[in-house]
Amino acid sequence: MTDRRGLRREGSYSIEAILNDGTFHLFTSQVLDVMLANNRVARFRRSSGWVTIGVDPVRVKCRREDSHNYYGLDRRAAY
């Protein structure tokens, strides 16, 4: 894979990502959030190294208005 870090413009923050179709892209964090939410990203690079979706932990921002409502099982209950 070609190292494209030198192609970044001064002052812009881009995140390297590989999409599910194998193509390499540079995204802003906002665009990466959208791509992650739409399950389009296979891997992206953090400062600590490459993250593989489905293997490494990833936090995805939910953009839905009702995102604060959780309707699943409450596992916090004491037994």
C-alpha atoms as a PDB file:
ATOM      1  CA  MET A   1       0.000   0.000   0.000  1.00  0.00           C
ATOM      2  CA  THR A   2       1.312   3.436  -0.891  1.00  0.00           C
ATOM      3  CA  ASP A   3       2.085   5.784   1.980  1.00  0.00           C
ATOM      4  CA  ARG A   4      -0.058   8.869   1.327  1.00  0.00           C
ATOM      5  CA  ARG A   5       0.508  10.754   4.553  1.00  0.00           C
ATOM      6  CA  GLY A   6       2.635  13.322   2.712  1.00  0.00           C
ATOM      7  CA  LEU A   7      -0.362  14.325   0.579  1.00  0.00           C
ATOM      8  CA  ARG A   8      -2.193  16.016   3.442  1.00  0.00           C
ATOM      9  CA  ARG A   9      -2.652  19.756   3.200  1.00  0.00           C
ATOM     10  CA  GLU A  10      -1.101  21.849   5.946  1.00  0.00           C
ATOM     11  CA  GLY A  11      -3.607  22.429   8.746  1.00  0.00           C
ATOM     12  CA  SER A  12      -6.107  19.786   7.641  1.00  0.00           C
ATOM     13  CA  TYR A  13      -6.757  16.661   9.666  1.00  0.00           C
ATOM     14  CA  SER A  14      -7.351  13.518   7.639  1.00  0.00           C
ATOM     15  CA  ILE A  15      -7.797   9.929   8.720  1.00  0.00           C
ATOM     16  CA  GLU A  16      -6.592   7.119   6.482  1.00  0.00           C
ATOM     17  CA  ALA A  17      -9.283   4.538   5.775  1.00  0.00           C
ATOM     18  CA  ILE A  18      -9.780   1.467   3.636  1.00  0.00           C
ATOM     19  CA  LEU A  19     -13.348   0.889   2.513  1.00  0.00           C
ATOM     20  CA  ASN A  20     -15.047  -2.481   2.145  1.00  0.00           C
ATOM     21  CA  ASP A  21     -14.325  -2.408  -1.598  1.00  0.00           C
ATOM     22  CA  GLY A  22     -10.577  -2.160  -0.872  1.00  0.00           C
ATOM     23  CA  THR A  23     -10.102   1.478  -1.901  1.00  0.00           C
ATOM     24  CA  PHE A  24      -7.931   3.837   0.169  1.00  0.00           C
ATOM     25  CA  HIS A  25      -9.276   7.262   1.199  1.00  0.00           C
ATOM     26  CA  LEU A  26      -8.451  10.206   3.476  1.00  0.00           C
ATOM     27  CA  PHE A  27     -11.460  11.410   5.489  1.00  0.00           C
ATOM     28  CA  THR A  28     -12.158  14.102   8.042  1.00  0.00           C
ATOM     29  CA  SER A  29     -13.395  12.728  11.361  1.00  0.00           C
ATOM     30  CA  GLN A  30     -16.965  13.825  10.532  1.00  0.00           C
ATOM     31  CA  VAL A  31     -16.976  11.960   7.214  1.00  0.00           C
ATOM     32  CA  LEU A  32     -15.396   8.894   8.838  1.00  0.00           C
ATOM     33  CA  ASP A  33     -18.223   8.893  11.431  1.00  0.00           C
ATOM     34  CA  VAL A  34     -20.810   8.808   8.639  1.00  0.00           C
ATOM     35  CA  MET A  35     -18.945   6.100   6.722  1.00  0.00           C
ATOM     36  CA  LEU A  36     -18.674   3.984   9.893  1.00  0.00           C
ATOM     37  CA  ALA A  37     -22.375   4.438  10.658  1.00  0.00           C
ATOM     38  CA  ASN A  38     -23.185   3.228   7.129  1.00  0.00           C
ATOM     39  CA  ASN A  39     -20.890   0.182   7.460  1.00  0.00           C
ATOM     40  CA  ARG A  40     -18.671   1.274   4.558  1.00  0.00           C
ATOM     41  CA  VAL A  41     -15.277   1.107   6.338  1.00  0.00           C
ATOM     42  CA  ALA A  42     -13.149  -2.037   6.648  1.00  0.00           C
ATOM     43  CA  ARG A  43     -10.151  -0.429   8.406  1.00  0.00           C
ATOM     44  CA  PHE A  44      -8.915   3.000   9.495  1.00  0.00           C
ATOM     45  CA  ARG A  45      -5.721   4.281  11.054  1.00  0.00           C
ATOM     46  CA  ARG A  46      -5.518   5.672  14.571  1.00  0.00           C
ATOM     47  CA  SER A  47      -2.386   7.155  16.077  1.00  0.00           C
ATOM     48  CA  SER A  48      -1.853   3.760  17.755  1.00  0.00           C
ATOM     49  CA  GLY A  49      -2.163   1.823  14.483  1.00  0.00           C
ATOM     50  CA  TRP A  50      -4.722   0.301  12.134  1.00  0.00           C
ATOM     51  CA  VAL A  51      -8.194  -0.551  13.464  1.00  0.00           C
ATOM     52  CA  THR A  52     -10.105  -3.419  11.867  1.00  0.00           C
ATOM     53  CA  ILE A  53     -13.876  -3.039  12.022  1.00  0.00           C
ATOM     54  CA  GLY A  54     -15.500  -6.028  13.709  1.00  0.00           C
ATOM     55  CA  VAL A  55     -12.253  -6.982  15.457  1.00  0.00           C
ATOM     56  CA  ASP A  56     -11.066  -3.883  17.316  1.00  0.00           C
ATOM     57  CA  PRO A  57     -13.301  -1.736  19.564  1.00  0.00           C
ATOM     58  CA  VAL A  58     -14.822   1.272  17.797  1.00  0.00           C
ATOM     59  CA  ARG A  59     -17.093   3.987  19.143  1.00  0.00           C
ATOM     60  CA  VAL A  60     -19.620   5.197  16.587  1.00  0.00           C
ATOM     61  CA  LYS A  61     -21.530   8.427  17.144  1.00  0.00           C
ATOM     62  CA  CYS A  62     -25.239   7.926  16.698  1.00  0.00           C
ATOM     63  CA  ARG A  63     -26.785  10.842  14.840  1.00  0.00           C
ATOM     64  CA  ARG A  64     -30.420   9.881  15.481  1.00  0.00           C
ATOM     65  CA  GLU A  65     -32.453  12.161  17.719  1.00  0.00           C
ATOM     66  CA  ASP A  66     -33.722   9.243  19.820  1.00  0.00           C
ATOM     67  CA  SER A  67     -30.211   7.853  20.406  1.00  0.00           C
ATOM     68  CA  HIS A  68     -30.502   8.462  24.155  1.00  0.00           C
ATOM     69  CA  ASN A  69     -33.407   6.001  24.389  1.00  0.00           C
ATOM     70  CA  TYR A  70     -32.271   2.422  24.915  1.00  0.00           C
ATOM     71  CA  TYR A  71     -34.871  -0.304  24.619  1.00  0.00           C
ATOM     72  CA  GLY A  72     -32.679  -3.359  25.271  1.00  0.00           C
ATOM     73  CA  LEU A  73     -32.254  -5.542  28.323  1.00  0.00           C
ATOM     74  CA  ASP A  74     -30.978  -3.730  31.420  1.00  0.00           C
ATOM     75  CA  ARG A  75     -27.948  -5.752  32.526  1.00  0.00           C
ATOM     76  CA  ARG A  76     -27.090  -3.441  35.442  1.00  0.00           C
ATOM     77  CA  ALA A  77     -29.582  -5.036  37.828  1.00  0.00           C
ATOM     78  CA  ALA A  78     -27.996  -6.497  40.978  1.00  0.00           C
ATOM     79  CA  TYR A  79     -28.649 -10.161  41.679  1.00  0.00           C
END
